[in-house]
Each structure stands twice: as structure tokens, then as C-alpha cells.
């Protein structure tokens, strides 16, 4: 009997370790670059843990209104948000892009926002140092997991005046559970729970404390939440829970026929207009 129990424990521990590695080292998917490619400056920065990363900086030609950090989503890279960044640059915002850990050309593992949010802080301090005595007002925009990074950064860095969260989940565990079921056809118990604890053990932190729905209760800066009703990764219920818990001023852009992070693809001009207008009221005002 005891050997059977030990075998089950070893099986779950092995599954937790292997599946956690799969979560924290996502497939690097190539995304097409915009044509023509927007002009940008490239700068090399050093993270708090000593890892180097680079930032793309897109500057508006005139009428500078503020600074925006833009975070791409899981499986993606900067190419996912380059068109958005260029659209906001055209509307008077300096935009800063960096790749999340374990994505694009950046070494992993991904830390689901724990270290990526600190990278945002490094980026903000570096950019403010370029401004001199009058740093630009700053906001942040994130897509999917990048939205979770944006929430964690907003909770840590008071210089961020507003958040745009596009297709962000309220809690990571339901998204993980759904993803495991779709990919491996395994029931949530015990497999998703083993993965969940394996991920937390690998990262050395309690991820639930950094869930957007948990942070939302103490975030009092303005929020624009964007989501589509055809989102198959972050079901609308999870997006609605996050929005309802946000403590500060908030507004929501929801369209029933739009897929996960699909609002920009459906309405590129309206997306940039609406996001820029939101930041005009909350960051540049």
C-alpha cells in the first residue's frame, strides 16, 4: 500500500515539474513585423537580477503628451504590439516596448509577471532619467499576460497613472486549468493542481497574491478594460470579475464577436483612438 502511495506522489511530482517547465518556457512563436517597420531607437538595460534586456523606444515627432509602456502577451513578442505602439506614437505618446522573459529573443524562464513587473520599473526609471527635472507622465498597456504584468507593475510603481488591460485574466489558475485540459486532455484534479504547485515551487512565490483580481482591490488609478465575447483563452467571466473588483475609476470596452486580444485587429483605428483618448484624460491631463 505504501509503495503505491509513494508511486502516486512521485508521479504527481514528476508531472508538476515537467508541466511547470512547459508553462514557464513557452513556445516562441514567430510573428510578422509590420510593413513598413516603424522607426525606433534601441537601448540596452540591466534588470534588477543582473539580466540584460533591450527596449525599443518610439518617439512622436511633436506634441509629446506622455510615455506608455506596452507589454505583449504569452507566446508572443514585441511584434504583437508594434502596430499599437506606432498608432499611439502618432497620437503624441512616446512608447516603450520590451520582451517579457522567455519570449522572443529574450532568455527564460517566464515568471508570469513576478520579475517582468520589476523590469517595467527599471524601464520607467531609465526613461525618467532621460527627462531631467520634469519626467513625462506615464501609463501602461498590456495584452493578456502582459495585462497581468501591467497590474503588478501598477501595484509597485506609483508613477504609473493609468492602466489599459486588453484580454487580461482575473486569476491565472483557471486559465492554466483550461489550457492543460485542452492540450493534454487531463482532468483538473490532480493534474492542474500539481502543475500549479510546480510552477509556484519553480518561481519561489505565491502566484495567487499577484492575480489581477487580487491586485484590483487596491489599485485606485484609472482602468480601461478591453475584451471580446469570443475569447476562448480568457472567458468573459474572468475578465468581468477583474473589472468588477477594480477599486479606481474604470471603463470597459466589450464586443461580443471579438476573439482573444482581437480588438486591435478588428478595429485598428478605433483602438488607437480610444486608448489614446483614455490616456489623454488620465495620463496627459
Protein backbone atom coordinates (compact mmCIF):
# COMPACT_ATOMS: atom_id res chain seq x y z
CA UNK A 1 0.00 0.00 0.00
CA UNK A 2 2.76 2.46 0.97
CA UNK A 3 4.70 1.79 -2.21
CA UNK A 4 1.59 2.59 -4.26
CA UNK A 5 1.13 5.89 -2.43
CA UNK A 6 4.80 6.72 -2.93
CA UNK A 7 4.46 5.94 -6.63
CA UNK A 8 1.49 8.28 -6.94
CA UNK A 9 3.37 11.06 -5.14
CA UNK A 10 6.40 10.60 -7.39
CA UNK A 11 4.17 10.60 -10.48
CA UNK A 12 2.45 13.83 -9.45
CA UNK A 13 5.75 15.46 -8.51
CA UNK A 14 7.24 14.49 -11.86
CA UNK A 15 4.19 15.76 -13.73
CA UNK A 16 4.30 19.01 -11.74
CA UNK A 17 7.96 19.60 -12.59
CA UNK A 18 7.64 18.76 -16.29
CA UNK A 19 4.38 20.66 -16.84
CA UNK A 20 5.70 23.67 -14.89
CA UNK A 21 8.69 23.76 -17.24
CA UNK A 22 6.25 23.74 -20.17
CA UNK A 23 4.36 26.69 -18.67
CA UNK A 24 7.46 28.74 -17.84
CA UNK A 25 9.23 28.08 -21.14
CA UNK A 26 6.51 28.85 -23.70
CA UNK A 27 6.84 28.06 -27.37
CA UNK A 28 8.42 31.00 -29.16
CA UNK A 29 6.07 31.84 -32.00
CA UNK A 30 7.26 33.99 -34.86
CA UNK A 31 5.02 36.96 -35.59
CA UNK A 32 5.20 39.05 -38.76
CA UNK A 33 6.70 42.51 -38.46
CA UNK A 34 4.66 45.47 -39.72
CA UNK A 35 5.46 46.67 -43.22
CA UNK A 36 6.74 49.34 -43.23
CA UNK A 37 8.56 48.88 -39.96
CA UNK A 38 8.11 51.88 -37.63
CA UNK A 39 11.28 53.77 -36.73
CA UNK A 40 12.54 53.08 -33.22
CA UNK A 41 15.61 53.52 -31.03
CA UNK A 42 17.15 50.50 -29.34
CA UNK A 43 18.64 50.71 -25.84
CA UNK A 44 20.21 48.06 -23.60
CA UNK A 45 19.14 47.92 -19.92
CA UNK A 46 20.02 45.75 -16.92
CA UNK A 47 17.31 44.14 -14.79
CA UNK A 48 17.40 44.01 -11.00
CA UNK A 49 18.72 40.43 -11.12
CA UNK A 50 21.53 41.40 -13.49
CA UNK A 51 19.93 40.07 -16.67
CA UNK A 52 20.25 42.35 -19.67
CA UNK A 53 17.32 43.24 -21.91
CA UNK A 54 16.73 45.76 -24.62
CA UNK A 55 13.97 48.29 -25.13
CA UNK A 56 12.54 49.76 -28.31
CA UNK A 57 11.65 53.42 -27.98
CA UNK A 58 9.25 55.05 -30.43
CA UNK A 59 9.18 58.84 -30.24
CA UNK A 60 6.45 61.12 -31.60
CA UNK A 61 7.55 63.86 -33.96
CA UNK A 62 5.94 66.64 -31.92
CA UNK A 63 3.26 67.40 -29.30
CA UNK A 64 4.61 64.90 -26.77
CA UNK A 65 1.79 64.06 -24.33
CA UNK A 66 3.21 61.27 -22.19
CA UNK A 67 5.01 57.92 -22.01
CA UNK A 68 3.47 54.48 -22.37
CA UNK A 69 4.93 51.06 -21.62
CA UNK A 70 3.34 48.34 -23.75
CA UNK A 71 3.54 44.64 -22.78
CA UNK A 72 2.83 41.81 -25.21
CA UNK A 73 1.12 38.55 -24.30
CA UNK A 74 2.05 34.92 -23.65
CA UNK A 75 3.58 33.09 -26.66
CA UNK A 76 4.08 36.49 -28.36
CA UNK A 77 6.83 39.10 -28.65
CA UNK A 78 7.16 42.82 -29.40
CA UNK A 79 5.89 42.35 -32.94
CA UNK A 80 2.41 41.73 -31.47
CA UNK A 81 2.19 45.27 -30.15
CA UNK A 82 4.39 47.22 -32.57
CA UNK A 83 1.45 48.48 -34.66
CA UNK A 84 -0.35 49.56 -31.48
CA UNK A 85 2.79 51.35 -30.29
CA UNK A 86 3.15 53.15 -33.60
CA UNK A 87 -0.50 54.20 -33.57
CA UNK A 88 -0.13 55.67 -30.09
CA UNK A 89 3.14 57.32 -31.12
CA UNK A 90 1.26 59.06 -33.92
CA UNK A 91 -1.18 60.35 -31.28
CA UNK A 92 1.55 62.02 -29.25
CA UNK A 93 2.85 59.29 -26.93
CA UNK A 94 6.37 58.02 -26.53
CA UNK A 95 6.02 54.23 -26.46
CA UNK A 96 8.43 51.75 -24.88
CA UNK A 97 8.48 48.06 -25.81
CA UNK A 98 10.44 45.23 -24.24
CA UNK A 99 10.14 41.46 -24.47
CA UNK A 100 8.88 39.51 -21.48
CA UNK A 101 11.21 36.85 -20.10
CA UNK A 102 11.19 33.63 -22.09
CA UNK A 103 9.62 35.32 -25.13
CA UNK A 104 11.01 36.47 -28.46
CA UNK A 105 14.78 36.71 -28.30
CA UNK A 106 14.91 37.04 -24.51
CA UNK A 107 16.17 34.16 -22.34
CA UNK A 108 13.75 32.49 -19.93
CA UNK A 109 12.16 31.33 -17.90
CA UNK A 110 8.98 33.38 -17.96
CA UNK A 111 7.98 34.36 -14.41
CA UNK A 112 4.33 35.32 -15.09
CA UNK A 113 4.92 38.89 -14.03
CA UNK A 114 6.95 38.41 -10.84
CA UNK A 115 10.19 39.67 -12.41
CA UNK A 116 8.69 41.22 -15.54
CA UNK A 117 6.93 43.86 -13.43
CA UNK A 118 10.30 44.79 -11.93
CA UNK A 119 11.64 45.10 -15.48
CA UNK A 120 8.91 47.71 -16.04
CA UNK A 121 10.24 49.59 -13.02
CA UNK A 122 13.79 49.54 -14.43
CA UNK A 123 12.41 50.81 -17.72
CA UNK A 124 10.47 53.64 -16.06
CA UNK A 125 13.45 54.78 -14.00
CA UNK A 126 15.75 54.71 -17.03
CA UNK A 127 13.30 56.72 -19.14
CA UNK A 128 12.67 59.26 -16.35
CA UNK A 129 16.43 59.78 -16.01
CA UNK A 130 16.49 60.88 -19.65
CA UNK A 131 13.87 63.54 -18.92
CA UNK A 132 15.79 65.51 -16.32
CA UNK A 133 13.84 67.55 -13.80
CA UNK A 134 10.45 67.06 -15.47
CA UNK A 135 9.75 63.36 -16.16
CA UNK A 136 6.93 62.55 -18.55
CA UNK A 137 3.68 61.23 -17.06
CA UNK A 138 3.43 57.50 -17.67
CA UNK A 139 0.80 54.85 -18.30
CA UNK A 140 0.90 51.18 -19.19
CA UNK A 141 -0.94 48.90 -21.63
CA UNK A 142 -0.81 45.10 -21.56
CA UNK A 143 -2.33 42.31 -23.62
CA UNK A 144 -3.38 39.03 -21.97
CA UNK A 145 -0.49 38.02 -19.66
CA UNK A 146 1.00 41.43 -20.44
CA UNK A 147 -2.10 42.86 -18.77
CA UNK A 148 -1.25 40.88 -15.62
CA UNK A 149 2.28 42.31 -15.80
CA UNK A 150 0.75 45.79 -16.13
CA UNK A 151 -1.36 45.26 -12.99
CA UNK A 152 1.63 44.03 -10.98
CA UNK A 153 3.71 46.99 -12.19
CA UNK A 154 0.92 49.45 -11.33
CA UNK A 155 0.77 48.00 -7.81
CA UNK A 156 4.52 48.54 -7.36
CA UNK A 157 5.24 51.81 -9.17
CA UNK A 158 3.12 54.87 -8.31
CA UNK A 159 4.47 56.82 -11.29
CA UNK A 160 2.10 54.79 -13.48
CA UNK A 161 -1.07 56.89 -13.69
CA UNK A 162 -3.39 54.59 -15.67
CA UNK A 163 -3.73 51.02 -16.98
CA UNK A 164 -5.19 49.59 -20.18
CA UNK A 165 -5.72 45.82 -19.81
CA UNK A 166 -6.63 44.00 -23.03
CA UNK A 167 -7.98 40.44 -22.56
CA UNK A 168 -6.45 40.09 -19.10
CA UNK A 169 -7.43 37.17 -16.88
CA UNK A 170 -8.67 37.74 -13.33
CA UNK A 171 -6.88 34.66 -11.96
CA UNK A 172 -4.15 32.56 -13.53
CA UNK A 173 -5.20 29.15 -12.22
CA UNK A 174 -8.47 28.86 -14.22
CA UNK A 175 -6.57 29.78 -17.40
CA UNK A 176 -3.90 27.18 -16.60
CA UNK A 177 -6.54 24.54 -15.86
CA UNK A 178 -8.32 25.21 -19.14
CA UNK A 179 -5.08 25.20 -21.12
CA UNK A 180 -3.98 21.85 -19.65
CA UNK A 181 -7.35 20.31 -20.37
CA UNK A 182 -7.27 21.46 -23.99
CA UNK A 183 -3.64 20.48 -24.64
CA UNK A 184 -3.22 17.26 -22.66
CA UNK A 185 -6.84 16.14 -22.12
CA UNK A 186 -6.30 15.73 -18.38
CA UNK A 187 -8.85 16.44 -15.62
CA UNK A 188 -8.16 19.41 -13.32
CA UNK A 189 -7.68 17.23 -10.25
CA UNK A 190 -4.97 16.30 -9.54
CA UNK A 191 -3.07 17.32 -12.67
CA UNK A 192 -3.75 21.06 -12.86
CA UNK A 193 -3.13 21.37 -9.13
CA UNK A 194 0.21 19.56 -9.45
CA UNK A 195 1.20 21.93 -12.25
CA UNK A 196 0.08 24.94 -10.21
CA UNK A 197 2.23 23.96 -7.25
CA UNK A 198 5.09 23.02 -9.57
CA UNK A 199 5.02 26.49 -11.14
CA UNK A 200 4.97 28.19 -7.74
CA UNK A 201 7.82 26.00 -6.48
CA UNK A 202 9.88 26.85 -9.55
CA UNK A 203 9.26 30.58 -9.09
CA UNK A 204 9.56 30.57 -5.31
CA UNK A 205 6.42 32.65 -4.81
CA UNK A 206 2.68 32.51 -4.17
CA UNK A 207 1.21 33.44 -7.54
CA UNK A 208 -2.32 33.86 -6.25
CA UNK A 209 -1.30 37.01 -4.41
CA UNK A 210 -0.33 38.59 -7.74
CA UNK A 211 -3.51 37.72 -9.61
CA UNK A 212 -5.09 40.76 -11.31
CA UNK A 213 -8.35 40.23 -9.40
CA UNK A 214 -6.46 40.36 -6.09
CA UNK A 215 -4.43 43.43 -7.03
CA UNK A 216 -7.50 45.16 -8.48
CA UNK A 217 -8.95 45.66 -4.99
CA UNK A 218 -6.16 48.11 -4.09
CA UNK A 219 -5.49 49.71 -7.47
CA UNK A 220 -7.12 53.14 -7.50
CA UNK A 221 -5.73 54.54 -10.73
CA UNK A 222 -7.97 54.66 -13.84
CA UNK A 223 -8.53 51.46 -15.84
CA UNK A 224 -9.68 50.76 -19.38
CA UNK A 225 -10.53 47.05 -19.70
CA UNK A 226 -10.85 45.61 -23.22
CA UNK A 227 -12.29 42.18 -24.04
CA UNK A 228 -14.20 40.24 -26.66
CA UNK A 229 -17.06 37.83 -26.14
CA UNK A 230 -15.43 35.19 -28.38
CA UNK A 231 -12.34 34.99 -26.16
CA UNK A 232 -11.54 31.26 -25.79
CA UNK A 233 -8.48 31.72 -23.59
CA UNK A 234 -9.78 34.21 -21.04
CA UNK A 235 -13.51 33.61 -20.93
CA UNK A 236 -15.58 36.79 -20.43
CA UNK A 237 -16.48 35.72 -16.88
CA UNK A 238 -12.82 36.03 -15.85
CA UNK A 239 -12.47 39.42 -17.50
CA UNK A 240 -15.66 40.65 -15.85
CA UNK A 241 -14.51 39.55 -12.39
CA UNK A 242 -11.29 41.53 -12.80
CA UNK A 243 -13.18 44.62 -13.95
CA UNK A 244 -15.73 44.47 -11.13
CA UNK A 245 -13.02 44.28 -8.47
CA UNK A 246 -11.04 47.27 -9.70
CA UNK A 247 -11.11 49.90 -6.94
CA UNK A 248 -10.40 53.01 -9.02
CA UNK A 249 -12.22 54.78 -11.87
CA UNK A 250 -12.88 52.33 -14.69
CA UNK A 251 -14.42 51.87 -18.08
CA UNK A 252 -14.92 48.79 -20.24
CA UNK A 253 -14.85 48.18 -23.98
CA UNK A 254 -16.56 44.87 -24.74
CA UNK A 255 -17.64 43.50 -28.12
CA UNK A 256 -19.38 40.09 -28.33
CA UNK A 257 -17.82 38.94 -31.64
CA UNK A 258 -14.16 39.70 -30.86
CA UNK A 259 -11.62 36.97 -30.01
CA UNK A 260 -8.72 36.94 -27.54
CA UNK A 261 -6.58 40.10 -27.98
CA UNK A 262 -8.52 40.64 -31.20
CA UNK A 263 -9.89 44.16 -30.69
CA UNK A 264 -6.99 45.90 -32.43
CA UNK A 265 -7.19 43.54 -35.42
CA UNK A 266 -10.93 44.22 -35.74
CA UNK A 267 -10.78 48.00 -35.19
CA UNK A 268 -7.19 49.29 -35.53
CA UNK A 269 -8.08 52.96 -35.94
CA UNK A 270 -10.77 52.97 -33.26
CA UNK A 271 -8.49 51.03 -30.90
CA UNK A 272 -5.71 53.61 -31.05
CA UNK A 273 -8.21 56.48 -30.91
CA UNK A 274 -9.97 55.09 -27.86
CA UNK A 275 -6.81 54.11 -25.97
CA UNK A 276 -5.18 57.47 -26.74
CA UNK A 277 -8.31 59.34 -25.60
CA UNK A 278 -8.28 57.36 -22.35
CA UNK A 279 -4.63 58.20 -21.73
CA UNK A 280 -5.30 61.83 -22.68
CA UNK A 281 -7.82 62.04 -19.83
CA UNK A 282 -5.81 60.09 -17.26
CA UNK A 283 -2.11 60.48 -18.04
CA UNK A 284 -1.65 63.63 -20.08
CA UNK A 285 -4.33 65.69 -18.33
